[in-house]
Full PDB file with SEQRES, HELIX, SHEET, SSBOND, CRYST1, ORIGX, SCALE, CONECT and MASTER records, all heavy atoms in Angstrom:
SEQRES   1 A   38  SER THR ARG SER LEU THR PRO THR THR VAL PRO VAL HIS          
SEQRES   2 A   38  PHE GLU PHE LYS GLU ILE TYR LEU SER ASP PRO ASP HIS          
SEQRES   3 A   38  ALA GLU ASP TYR GLU ASP ASP ASP LEU ILE ILE PRO              
HELIX    1 AA1 PRO A   24  ASP A   29  5                                   6    
SHEET    1 AA1 2 GLU A  18  TYR A  20  0                                        
SHEET    2 AA1 2 LEU A  35  ILE A  37  1                                        
CRYST1    1.000    1.000    1.000  90.00  90.00  90.00 P 1           1          
ORIGX1      1.000000  0.000000  0.000000        0.00000                         
ORIGX2      0.000000  1.000000  0.000000        0.00000                         
ORIGX3      0.000000  0.000000  1.000000        0.00000                         
SCALE1      1.000000  0.000000  0.000000        0.00000                         
SCALE2      0.000000  1.000000  0.000000        0.00000                         
SCALE3      0.000000  0.000000  1.000000        0.00000                         
ATOM      1  N   SER A   1      86.297  61.871  94.470  1.00  0.00           N  
ATOM      2  CA  SER A   1      87.183  63.033  94.432  1.00  0.00           C  
ATOM      3  C   SER A   1      87.842  63.175  95.794  1.00  0.00           C  
ATOM      4  O   SER A   1      87.187  63.027  96.814  1.00  0.00           O  
ATOM      5  CB  SER A   1      86.380  64.293  94.110  1.00  0.00           C  
ATOM      6  OG  SER A   1      87.084  65.446  94.505  1.00  0.00           O  
ATOM      7  N   THR A   2      89.133  63.459  95.792  1.00  0.00           N  
ATOM      8  CA  THR A   2      89.843  63.624  97.066  1.00  0.00           C  
ATOM      9  C   THR A   2      89.478  64.945  97.728  1.00  0.00           C  
ATOM     10  O   THR A   2      89.801  65.163  98.883  1.00  0.00           O  
ATOM     11  CB  THR A   2      91.371  63.544  96.864  1.00  0.00           C  
ATOM     12  OG1 THR A   2      91.741  64.358  95.759  1.00  0.00           O  
ATOM     13  CG2 THR A   2      91.798  62.121  96.602  1.00  0.00           C  
ATOM     14  N   ARG A   3      88.754  65.808  97.014  1.00  0.00           N  
ATOM     15  CA  ARG A   3      88.345  67.087  97.586  1.00  0.00           C  
ATOM     16  C   ARG A   3      86.894  67.053  98.059  1.00  0.00           C  
ATOM     17  O   ARG A   3      86.570  67.543  99.121  1.00  0.00           O  
ATOM     18  CB  ARG A   3      88.545  68.199  96.549  1.00  0.00           C  
ATOM     19  CG  ARG A   3      88.385  69.573  97.125  1.00  0.00           C  
ATOM     20  CD  ARG A   3      88.732  70.652  96.130  1.00  0.00           C  
ATOM     21  NE  ARG A   3      90.153  70.653  95.801  1.00  0.00           N  
ATOM     22  CZ  ARG A   3      90.665  71.312  94.778  1.00  0.00           C  
ATOM     23  NH1 ARG A   3      89.889  72.010  93.982  1.00  0.00           N  
ATOM     24  NH2 ARG A   3      91.957  71.276  94.553  1.00  0.00           N  
ATOM     25  N   SER A   4      85.993  66.468  97.238  1.00  0.00           N  
ATOM     26  CA  SER A   4      84.559  66.556  97.559  1.00  0.00           C  
ATOM     27  C   SER A   4      83.875  65.199  97.705  1.00  0.00           C  
ATOM     28  O   SER A   4      82.697  65.142  98.013  1.00  0.00           O  
ATOM     29  CB  SER A   4      83.847  67.332  96.453  1.00  0.00           C  
ATOM     30  OG  SER A   4      83.924  66.605  95.232  1.00  0.00           O  
ATOM     31  N   LEU A   5      84.597  64.115  97.441  1.00  0.00           N  
ATOM     32  CA  LEU A   5      84.066  62.744  97.441  1.00  0.00           C  
ATOM     33  C   LEU A   5      83.069  62.486  96.306  1.00  0.00           C  
ATOM     34  O   LEU A   5      82.433  61.441  96.282  1.00  0.00           O  
ATOM     35  CB  LEU A   5      83.432  62.382  98.799  1.00  0.00           C  
ATOM     36  CG  LEU A   5      84.376  62.436  99.998  1.00  0.00           C  
ATOM     37  CD1 LEU A   5      83.640  62.037 101.269  1.00  0.00           C  
ATOM     38  CD2 LEU A   5      85.583  61.537  99.798  1.00  0.00           C  
ATOM     39  N   THR A   6      82.945  63.401  95.358  1.00  0.00           N  
ATOM     40  CA  THR A   6      82.079  63.201  94.200  1.00  0.00           C  
ATOM     41  C   THR A   6      82.650  62.079  93.342  1.00  0.00           C  
ATOM     42  O   THR A   6      83.841  62.104  93.022  1.00  0.00           O  
ATOM     43  CB  THR A   6      82.018  64.499  93.354  1.00  0.00           C  
ATOM     44  OG1 THR A   6      81.586  65.567  94.194  1.00  0.00           O  
ATOM     45  CG2 THR A   6      81.086  64.348  92.175  1.00  0.00           C  
ATOM     46  N   PRO A   7      81.849  61.071  92.948  1.00  0.00           N  
ATOM     47  CA  PRO A   7      82.365  60.016  92.074  1.00  0.00           C  
ATOM     48  C   PRO A   7      82.924  60.614  90.776  1.00  0.00           C  
ATOM     49  O   PRO A   7      82.259  61.407  90.115  1.00  0.00           O  
ATOM     50  CB  PRO A   7      81.149  59.136  91.801  1.00  0.00           C  
ATOM     51  CG  PRO A   7      80.234  59.390  92.967  1.00  0.00           C  
ATOM     52  CD  PRO A   7      80.457  60.829  93.330  1.00  0.00           C  
ATOM     53  N   THR A   8      84.161  60.238  90.450  1.00  0.00           N  
ATOM     54  CA  THR A   8      84.869  60.808  89.313  1.00  0.00           C  
ATOM     55  C   THR A   8      85.520  59.686  88.510  1.00  0.00           C  
ATOM     56  O   THR A   8      86.218  58.844  89.071  1.00  0.00           O  
ATOM     57  CB  THR A   8      85.961  61.787  89.808  1.00  0.00           C  
ATOM     58  OG1 THR A   8      85.347  62.735  90.691  1.00  0.00           O  
ATOM     59  CG2 THR A   8      86.635  62.506  88.657  1.00  0.00           C  
ATOM     60  N   THR A   9      85.282  59.689  87.192  1.00  0.00           N  
ATOM     61  CA  THR A   9      85.883  58.674  86.325  1.00  0.00           C  
ATOM     62  C   THR A   9      87.217  59.177  85.808  1.00  0.00           C  
ATOM     63  O   THR A   9      87.320  60.295  85.307  1.00  0.00           O  
ATOM     64  CB  THR A   9      84.937  58.336  85.152  1.00  0.00           C  
ATOM     65  OG1 THR A   9      83.705  57.882  85.707  1.00  0.00           O  
ATOM     66  CG2 THR A   9      85.513  57.242  84.282  1.00  0.00           C  
ATOM     67  N   VAL A  10      88.243  58.356  85.976  1.00  0.00           N  
ATOM     68  CA  VAL A  10      89.589  58.724  85.539  1.00  0.00           C  
ATOM     69  C   VAL A  10      90.171  57.615  84.666  1.00  0.00           C  
ATOM     70  O   VAL A  10      89.898  56.441  84.884  1.00  0.00           O  
ATOM     71  CB  VAL A  10      90.529  58.974  86.746  1.00  0.00           C  
ATOM     72  CG1 VAL A  10      90.099  60.190  87.538  1.00  0.00           C  
ATOM     73  CG2 VAL A  10      90.597  57.760  87.650  1.00  0.00           C  
ATOM     74  N   PRO A  11      90.969  57.995  83.657  1.00  0.00           N  
ATOM     75  CA  PRO A  11      91.623  56.962  82.849  1.00  0.00           C  
ATOM     76  C   PRO A  11      92.768  56.333  83.642  1.00  0.00           C  
ATOM     77  O   PRO A  11      93.434  57.013  84.430  1.00  0.00           O  
ATOM     78  CB  PRO A  11      92.155  57.747  81.641  1.00  0.00           C  
ATOM     79  CG  PRO A  11      92.304  59.148  82.127  1.00  0.00           C  
ATOM     80  CD  PRO A  11      91.271  59.343  83.199  1.00  0.00           C  
ATOM     81  N   VAL A  12      92.969  55.047  83.441  1.00  0.00           N  
ATOM     82  CA  VAL A  12      94.072  54.348  84.094  1.00  0.00           C  
ATOM     83  C   VAL A  12      94.898  53.691  82.993  1.00  0.00           C  
ATOM     84  O   VAL A  12      94.387  52.871  82.232  1.00  0.00           O  
ATOM     85  CB  VAL A  12      93.562  53.276  85.086  1.00  0.00           C  
ATOM     86  CG1 VAL A  12      94.724  52.515  85.706  1.00  0.00           C  
ATOM     87  CG2 VAL A  12      92.707  53.916  86.169  1.00  0.00           C  
ATOM     88  N   HIS A  13      96.154  54.098  82.900  1.00  0.00           N  
ATOM     89  CA  HIS A  13      97.080  53.538  81.911  1.00  0.00           C  
ATOM     90  C   HIS A  13      98.361  53.204  82.660  1.00  0.00           C  
ATOM     91  O   HIS A  13      98.875  54.017  83.425  1.00  0.00           O  
ATOM     92  CB  HIS A  13      97.364  54.561  80.796  1.00  0.00           C  
ATOM     93  CG  HIS A  13      98.439  54.095  79.854  1.00  0.00           C  
ATOM     94  ND1 HIS A  13      98.181  53.245  78.815  1.00  0.00           N  
ATOM     95  CD2 HIS A  13      99.765  54.345  79.827  1.00  0.00           C  
ATOM     96  CE1 HIS A  13      99.312  52.994  78.177  1.00  0.00           C  
ATOM     97  NE2 HIS A  13     100.288  53.645  78.775  1.00  0.00           N  
ATOM     98  N   PHE A  14      98.870  52.009  82.433  1.00  0.00           N  
ATOM     99  CA  PHE A  14     100.057  51.589  83.166  1.00  0.00           C  
ATOM    100  C   PHE A  14     100.877  50.673  82.280  1.00  0.00           C  
ATOM    101  O   PHE A  14     100.339  49.754  81.663  1.00  0.00           O  
ATOM    102  CB  PHE A  14      99.629  50.861  84.448  1.00  0.00           C  
ATOM    103  CG  PHE A  14     100.751  50.606  85.412  1.00  0.00           C  
ATOM    104  CD1 PHE A  14     101.261  51.626  86.189  1.00  0.00           C  
ATOM    105  CD2 PHE A  14     101.288  49.338  85.555  1.00  0.00           C  
ATOM    106  CE1 PHE A  14     102.292  51.398  87.092  1.00  0.00           C  
ATOM    107  CE2 PHE A  14     102.312  49.092  86.457  1.00  0.00           C  
ATOM    108  CZ  PHE A  14     102.816  50.130  87.224  1.00  0.00           C  
ATOM    109  N   GLU A  15     102.175  50.925  82.203  1.00  0.00           N  
ATOM    110  CA  GLU A  15     103.079  50.039  81.465  1.00  0.00           C  
ATOM    111  C   GLU A  15     103.922  49.285  82.484  1.00  0.00           C  
ATOM    112  O   GLU A  15     104.320  49.851  83.501  1.00  0.00           O  
ATOM    113  CB  GLU A  15     103.974  50.857  80.530  1.00  0.00           C  
ATOM    114  CG  GLU A  15     103.180  51.543  79.426  1.00  0.00           C  
ATOM    115  CD  GLU A  15     104.054  52.344  78.478  1.00  0.00           C  
ATOM    116  OE1 GLU A  15     105.299  52.237  78.565  1.00  0.00           O  
ATOM    117  OE2 GLU A  15     103.488  53.063  77.649  1.00  0.00           O  
ATOM    118  N   PHE A  16     104.176  48.016  82.199  1.00  0.00           N  
ATOM    119  CA  PHE A  16     104.950  47.231  83.150  1.00  0.00           C  
ATOM    120  C   PHE A  16     105.896  46.280  82.439  1.00  0.00           C  
ATOM    121  O   PHE A  16     105.702  45.936  81.279  1.00  0.00           O  
ATOM    122  CB  PHE A  16     104.031  46.457  84.106  1.00  0.00           C  
ATOM    123  CG  PHE A  16     103.121  45.463  83.448  1.00  0.00           C  
ATOM    124  CD1 PHE A  16     103.476  44.126  83.349  1.00  0.00           C  
ATOM    125  CD2 PHE A  16     101.898  45.857  82.932  1.00  0.00           C  
ATOM    126  CE1 PHE A  16     102.629  43.201  82.740  1.00  0.00           C  
ATOM    127  CE2 PHE A  16     101.041  44.942  82.326  1.00  0.00           C  
ATOM    128  CZ  PHE A  16     101.410  43.610  82.234  1.00  0.00           C  
ATOM    129  N   LYS A  17     106.940  45.913  83.174  1.00  0.00           N  
ATOM    130  CA  LYS A  17     107.904  44.922  82.698  1.00  0.00           C  
ATOM    131  C   LYS A  17     108.243  44.042  83.891  1.00  0.00           C  
ATOM    132  O   LYS A  17     108.591  44.556  84.961  1.00  0.00           O  
ATOM    133  CB  LYS A  17     109.164  45.592  82.163  1.00  0.00           C  
ATOM    134  CG  LYS A  17     110.246  44.603  81.739  1.00  0.00           C  
ATOM    135  CD  LYS A  17     111.499  45.333  81.266  1.00  0.00           C  
ATOM    136  CE  LYS A  17     112.591  44.342  80.911  1.00  0.00           C  
ATOM    137  NZ  LYS A  17     113.841  45.032  80.550  1.00  0.00           N  
ATOM    138  N   GLU A  18     108.107  42.762  83.699  1.00  0.00           N  
ATOM    139  CA  GLU A  18     108.417  41.816  84.769  1.00  0.00           C  
ATOM    140  C   GLU A  18     109.231  40.676  84.189  1.00  0.00           C  
ATOM    141  O   GLU A  18     109.005  40.260  83.056  1.00  0.00           O  
ATOM    142  CB  GLU A  18     107.129  41.287  85.404  1.00  0.00           C  
ATOM    143  CG  GLU A  18     106.324  42.386  86.051  1.00  0.00           C  
ATOM    144  CD  GLU A  18     105.026  41.929  86.676  1.00  0.00           C  
ATOM    145  OE1 GLU A  18     104.531  40.830  86.348  1.00  0.00           O  
ATOM    146  OE2 GLU A  18     104.497  42.692  87.489  1.00  0.00           O  
ATOM    147  N   ILE A  19     110.172  40.191  84.968  1.00  0.00           N  
ATOM    148  CA  ILE A  19     111.021  39.094  84.529  1.00  0.00           C  
ATOM    149  C   ILE A  19     110.778  37.915  85.457  1.00  0.00           C  
ATOM    150  O   ILE A  19     110.935  38.027  86.681  1.00  0.00           O  
ATOM    151  CB  ILE A  19     112.504  39.502  84.546  1.00  0.00           C  
ATOM    152  CG1 ILE A  19     112.699  40.701  83.608  1.00  0.00           C  
ATOM    153  CG2 ILE A  19     113.388  38.334  84.144  1.00  0.00           C  
ATOM    154  CD1 ILE A  19     113.979  41.460  83.810  1.00  0.00           C  
ATOM    155  N   TYR A  20     110.349  36.827  84.868  1.00  0.00           N  
ATOM    156  CA  TYR A  20     110.075  35.603  85.630  1.00  0.00           C  
ATOM    157  C   TYR A  20     111.266  34.668  85.455  1.00  0.00           C  
ATOM    158  O   TYR A  20     111.581  34.249  84.347  1.00  0.00           O  
ATOM    159  CB  TYR A  20     108.776  34.953  85.142  1.00  0.00           C  
ATOM    160  CG  TYR A  20     107.561  35.790  85.473  1.00  0.00           C  
ATOM    161  CD1 TYR A  20     107.188  36.855  84.663  1.00  0.00           C  
ATOM    162  CD2 TYR A  20     106.806  35.528  86.611  1.00  0.00           C  
ATOM    163  CE1 TYR A  20     106.083  37.637  84.971  1.00  0.00           C  
ATOM    164  CE2 TYR A  20     105.706  36.306  86.934  1.00  0.00           C  
ATOM    165  CZ  TYR A  20     105.350  37.358  86.107  1.00  0.00           C  
ATOM    166  OH  TYR A  20     104.256  38.142  86.417  1.00  0.00           O  
ATOM    167  N   LEU A  21     111.933  34.360  86.571  1.00  0.00           N  
ATOM    168  CA  LEU A  21     113.149  33.557  86.527  1.00  0.00           C  
ATOM    169  C   LEU A  21     112.842  32.080  86.707  1.00  0.00           C  
ATOM    170  O   LEU A  21     112.157  31.689  87.648  1.00  0.00           O  
ATOM    171  CB  LEU A  21     114.108  33.977  87.645  1.00  0.00           C  
ATOM    172  CG  LEU A  21     114.610  35.410  87.664  1.00  0.00           C  
ATOM    173  CD1 LEU A  21     115.596  35.589  88.811  1.00  0.00           C  
ATOM    174  CD2 LEU A  21     115.250  35.781  86.358  1.00  0.00           C  
ATOM    175  N   SER A  22     113.393  31.264  85.814  1.00  0.00           N  
ATOM    176  CA  SER A  22     113.276  29.820  86.007  1.00  0.00           C  
ATOM    177  C   SER A  22     114.372  29.335  86.949  1.00  0.00           C  
ATOM    178  O   SER A  22     114.253  28.274  87.549  1.00  0.00           O  
ATOM    179  CB  SER A  22     113.359  29.090  84.662  1.00  0.00           C  
ATOM    180  OG  SER A  22     114.559  29.433  83.997  1.00  0.00           O  
ATOM    181  N   ASP A  23     115.445  30.128  87.090  1.00  0.00           N  
ATOM    182  CA  ASP A  23     116.550  29.779  87.971  1.00  0.00           C  
ATOM    183  C   ASP A  23     116.935  31.036  88.766  1.00  0.00           C  
ATOM    184  O   ASP A  23     117.304  32.055  88.171  1.00  0.00           O  
ATOM    185  CB  ASP A  23     117.737  29.299  87.132  1.00  0.00           C  
ATOM    186  CG  ASP A  23     118.929  28.889  87.974  1.00  0.00           C  
ATOM    187  OD1 ASP A  23     118.988  29.242  89.178  1.00  0.00           O  
ATOM    188  OD2 ASP A  23     119.830  28.221  87.429  1.00  0.00           O  
ATOM    189  N   PRO A  24     116.856  30.991  90.100  1.00  0.00           N  
ATOM    190  CA  PRO A  24     117.153  32.186  90.912  1.00  0.00           C  
ATOM    191  C   PRO A  24     118.550  32.765  90.656  1.00  0.00           C  
ATOM    192  O   PRO A  24     118.778  33.951  90.837  1.00  0.00           O  
ATOM    193  CB  PRO A  24     117.034  31.695  92.358  1.00  0.00           C  
ATOM    194  CG  PRO A  24     116.252  30.427  92.284  1.00  0.00           C  
ATOM    195  CD  PRO A  24     116.456  29.848  90.922  1.00  0.00           C  
ATOM    196  N   ASP A  25     119.500  31.934  90.228  1.00  0.00           N  
ATOM    197  CA  ASP A  25     120.857  32.429  89.965  1.00  0.00           C  
ATOM    198  C   ASP A  25     120.894  33.412  88.795  1.00  0.00           C  
ATOM    199  O   ASP A  25     121.863  34.150  88.640  1.00  0.00           O  
ATOM    200  CB  ASP A  25     121.811  31.257  89.674  1.00  0.00           C  
ATOM    201  CG  ASP A  25     122.029  30.397  90.909  1.00  0.00           C  
ATOM    202  OD1 ASP A  25     121.792  30.899  92.033  1.00  0.00           O  
ATOM    203  OD2 ASP A  25     122.432  29.231  90.759  1.00  0.00           O  
ATOM    204  N   HIS A  26     119.864  33.424  87.969  1.00  0.00           N  
ATOM    205  CA  HIS A  26     119.839  34.337  86.823  1.00  0.00           C  
ATOM    206  C   HIS A  26     119.587  35.785  87.249  1.00  0.00           C  
ATOM    207  O   HIS A  26     119.724  36.693  86.430  1.00  0.00           O  
ATOM    208  CB  HIS A  26     118.747  33.925  85.829  1.00  0.00           C  
ATOM    209  CG  HIS A  26     119.007  32.613  85.145  1.00  0.00           C  
ATOM    210  ND1 HIS A  26     118.157  32.103  84.203  1.00  0.00           N  
ATOM    211  CD2 HIS A  26     120.023  31.718  85.259  1.00  0.00           C  
ATOM    212  CE1 HIS A  26     118.614  30.941  83.782  1.00  0.00           C  
ATOM    213  NE2 HIS A  26     119.757  30.690  84.414  1.00  0.00           N  
ATOM    214  N   ALA A  27     119.214  36.020  88.483  1.00  0.00           N  
ATOM    215  CA  ALA A  27     118.874  37.374  88.938  1.00  0.00           C  
ATOM    216  C   ALA A  27     120.011  38.356  88.698  1.00  0.00           C  
ATOM    217  O   ALA A  27     119.784  39.523  88.384  1.00  0.00           O  
ATOM    218  CB  ALA A  27     118.497  37.355  90.420  1.00  0.00           C  
ATOM    219  N   GLU A  28     121.245  37.877  88.811  1.00  0.00           N  
ATOM    220  CA  GLU A  28     122.392  38.776  88.631  1.00  0.00           C  
ATOM    221  C   GLU A  28     122.549  39.242  87.180  1.00  0.00           C  
ATOM    222  O   GLU A  28     123.302  40.171  86.912  1.00  0.00           O  
ATOM    223  CB  GLU A  28     123.674  38.098  89.125  1.00  0.00           C  
ATOM    224  CG  GLU A  28     123.985  36.814  88.374  1.00  0.00           C  
ATOM    225  CD  GLU A  28     124.927  35.887  89.131  1.00  0.00           C  
ATOM    226  OE1 GLU A  28     124.888  35.877  90.370  1.00  0.00           O  
ATOM    227  OE2 GLU A  28     125.678  35.170  88.455  1.00  0.00           O  
ATOM    228  N   ASP A  29     121.837  38.625  86.240  1.00  0.00           N  
ATOM    229  CA  ASP A  29     121.914  39.019  84.822  1.00  0.00           C  
ATOM    230  C   ASP A  29     121.090  40.267  84.519  1.00  0.00           C  
ATOM    231  O   ASP A  29     121.158  40.783  83.405  1.00  0.00           O  
ATOM    232  CB  ASP A  29     121.420  37.886  83.911  1.00  0.00           C  
ATOM    233  CG  ASP A  29     122.283  36.632  84.037  1.00  0.00           C  
ATOM    234  OD1 ASP A  29     123.438  36.756  84.494  1.00  0.00           O  
ATOM    235  OD2 ASP A  29     121.795  35.542  83.684  1.00  0.00           O  
ATOM    236  N   TYR A  30     120.300  40.748  85.491  1.00  0.00           N  
ATOM    237  CA  TYR A  30     119.378  41.844  85.225  1.00  0.00           C  
ATOM    238  C   TYR A  30     119.736  43.073  86.047  1.00  0.00           C  
ATOM    239  O   TYR A  30     120.491  42.995  87.012  1.00  0.00           O  
ATOM    240  CB  TYR A  30     117.935  41.386  85.502  1.00  0.00           C  
ATOM    241  CG  TYR A  30     117.533  40.236  84.609  1.00  0.00           C  
ATOM    242  CD1 TYR A  30     117.584  38.920  85.052  1.00  0.00           C  
ATOM    243  CD2 TYR A  30     117.138  40.459  83.295  1.00  0.00           C  
ATOM    244  CE1 TYR A  30     117.241  37.868  84.220  1.00  0.00           C  
ATOM    245  CE2 TYR A  30     116.792  39.415  82.454  1.00  0.00           C  
ATOM    246  CZ  TYR A  30     116.850  38.120  82.919  1.00  0.00           C  
ATOM    247  OH  TYR A  30     116.522  37.088  82.086  1.00  0.00           O  
ATOM    248  N   GLU A  31     119.153  44.188  85.667  1.00  0.00           N  
ATOM    249  CA  GLU A  31     119.387  45.456  86.360  1.00  0.00           C  
ATOM    250  C   GLU A  31     118.732  45.424  87.744  1.00  0.00           C  
ATOM    251  O   GLU A  31     117.762  44.712  87.961  1.00  0.00           O  
ATOM    252  CB  GLU A  31     118.784  46.618  85.548  1.00  0.00           C  
ATOM    253  CG  GLU A  31     119.361  46.775  84.157  1.00  0.00           C  
ATOM    254  CD  GLU A  31     120.816  47.185  84.152  1.00  0.00           C  
ATOM    255  OE1 GLU A  31     121.210  47.992  85.017  1.00  0.00           O  
ATOM    256  OE2 GLU A  31     121.568  46.687  83.299  1.00  0.00           O  
ATOM    257  N   ASP A  32     119.236  46.255  88.636  1.00  0.00           N  
ATOM    258  CA  ASP A  32     118.690  46.307  89.994  1.00  0.00           C  
ATOM    259  C   ASP A  32     117.247  46.787  90.022  1.00  0.00           C  
ATOM    260  O   ASP A  32     116.476  46.406  90.894  1.00  0.00           O  
ATOM    261  CB  ASP A  32     119.527  47.237  90.882  1.00  0.00           C  
ATOM    262  CG  ASP A  32     120.875  46.610  91.225  1.00  0.00           C  
ATOM    263  OD1 ASP A  32     121.010  45.382  91.087  1.00  0.00           O  
ATOM    264  OD2 ASP A  32     121.775  47.363  91.629  1.00  0.00           O  
ATOM    265  N   ASP A  33     116.861  47.652  89.062  1.00  0.00           N  
ATOM    266  CA  ASP A  33     115.505  48.184  89.093  1.00  0.00           C  
ATOM    267  C   ASP A  33     114.502  47.327  88.305  1.00  0.00           C  
ATOM    268  O   ASP A  33     113.336  47.664  88.215  1.00  0.00           O  
ATOM    269  CB  ASP A  33     115.468  49.640  88.612  1.00  0.00           C  
ATOM    270  CG  ASP A  33     116.025  49.804  87.203  1.00  0.00           C  
ATOM    271  OD1 ASP A  33     116.611  48.841  86.669  1.00  0.00           O  
ATOM    272  OD2 ASP A  33     115.863  50.904  86.639  1.00  0.00           O  
ATOM    273  N   ASP A  34     114.950  46.210  87.732  1.00  0.00           N  
ATOM    274  CA  ASP A  34     114.017  45.298  87.066  1.00  0.00           C  
ATOM    275  C   ASP A  34     113.202  44.558  88.120  1.00  0.00           C  
ATOM    276  O   ASP A  34     113.738  44.169  89.167  1.00  0.00           O  
ATOM    277  CB  ASP A  34     114.771  44.261  86.212  1.00  0.00           C  
ATOM    278  CG  ASP A  34     115.291  44.847  84.907  1.00  0.00           C  
ATOM    279  OD1 ASP A  34     114.713  45.844  84.428  1.00  0.00           O  
ATOM    280  OD2 ASP A  34     116.269  44.308  84.366  1.00  0.00           O  
ATOM    281  N   LEU A  35     111.926  44.347  87.828  1.00  0.00           N  
ATOM    282  CA  LEU A  35     111.082  43.574  88.735  1.00  0.00           C  
ATOM    283  C   LEU A  35     111.288  42.100  88.406  1.00  0.00           C  
ATOM    284  O   LEU A  35     110.938  41.633  87.321  1.00  0.00           O  
ATOM    285  CB  LEU A  35     109.612  43.965  88.573  1.00  0.00           C  
ATOM    286  CG  LEU A  35     108.650  43.213  89.487  1.00  0.00           C  
ATOM    287  CD1 LEU A  35     109.034  43.373  90.956  1.00  0.00           C  
ATOM    288  CD2 LEU A  35     107.242  43.692  89.276  1.00  0.00           C  
ATOM    289  N   ILE A  36     111.880  41.388  89.346  1.00  0.00           N  
ATOM    290  CA  ILE A  36     112.239  39.988  89.127  1.00  0.00           C  
ATOM    291  C   ILE A  36     111.383  39.114  90.030  1.00  0.00           C  
ATOM    292  O   ILE A  36     111.284  39.351  91.238  1.00  0.00           O  
ATOM    293  CB  ILE A  36     113.736  39.772  89.424  1.00  0.00           C  
ATOM    294  CG1 ILE A  36     114.556  40.603  88.434  1.00  0.00           C  
ATOM    295  CG2 ILE A  36     114.098  38.308  89.348  1.00  0.00           C  
ATOM    296  CD1 ILE A  36     116.032  40.622  88.722  1.00  0.00           C  
ATOM    297  N   ILE A  37     110.759  38.104  89.414  1.00  0.00           N  
ATOM    298  CA  ILE A  37     109.854  37.224  90.151  1.00  0.00           C  
ATOM    299  C   ILE A  37     110.299  35.785  89.920  1.00  0.00           C  
ATOM    300  O   ILE A  37     110.387  35.339  88.772  1.00  0.00           O  
ATOM    301  CB  ILE A  37     108.404  37.418  89.660  1.00  0.00           C  
ATOM    302  CG1 ILE A  37     107.991  38.878  89.856  1.00  0.00           C  
ATOM    303  CG2 ILE A  37     107.455  36.464  90.376  1.00  0.00           C  
ATOM    304  CD1 ILE A  37     106.765  39.283  89.098  1.00  0.00           C  
ATOM    305  N   PRO A  38     110.600  35.045  90.987  1.00  0.00           N  
ATOM    306  CA  PRO A  38     110.962  33.636  90.807  1.00  0.00           C  
ATOM    307  C   PRO A  38     109.746  32.843  90.322  1.00  0.00           C  
ATOM    308  O   PRO A  38     108.640  33.032  90.819  1.00  0.00           O  
ATOM    309  CB  PRO A  38     111.388  33.170  92.198  1.00  0.00           C  
ATOM    310  CG  PRO A  38     111.362  34.368  93.072  1.00  0.00           C  
ATOM    311  CD  PRO A  38     110.648  35.470  92.374  1.00  0.00           C  
TER     312      PRO A  38                                                      
MASTER        0    0    0    1    2    0    0    6  311    1    0    3          
END                                                                             
């Protein structure tokens, strides 16, 4: 806990979108906020 340091169980849920490029020139085909990984 950030207040008392008592161990606290919290749910963790996360959605993600990643684009893996086979050619770096393709980066311009995607939005600026897309996560692009060569």
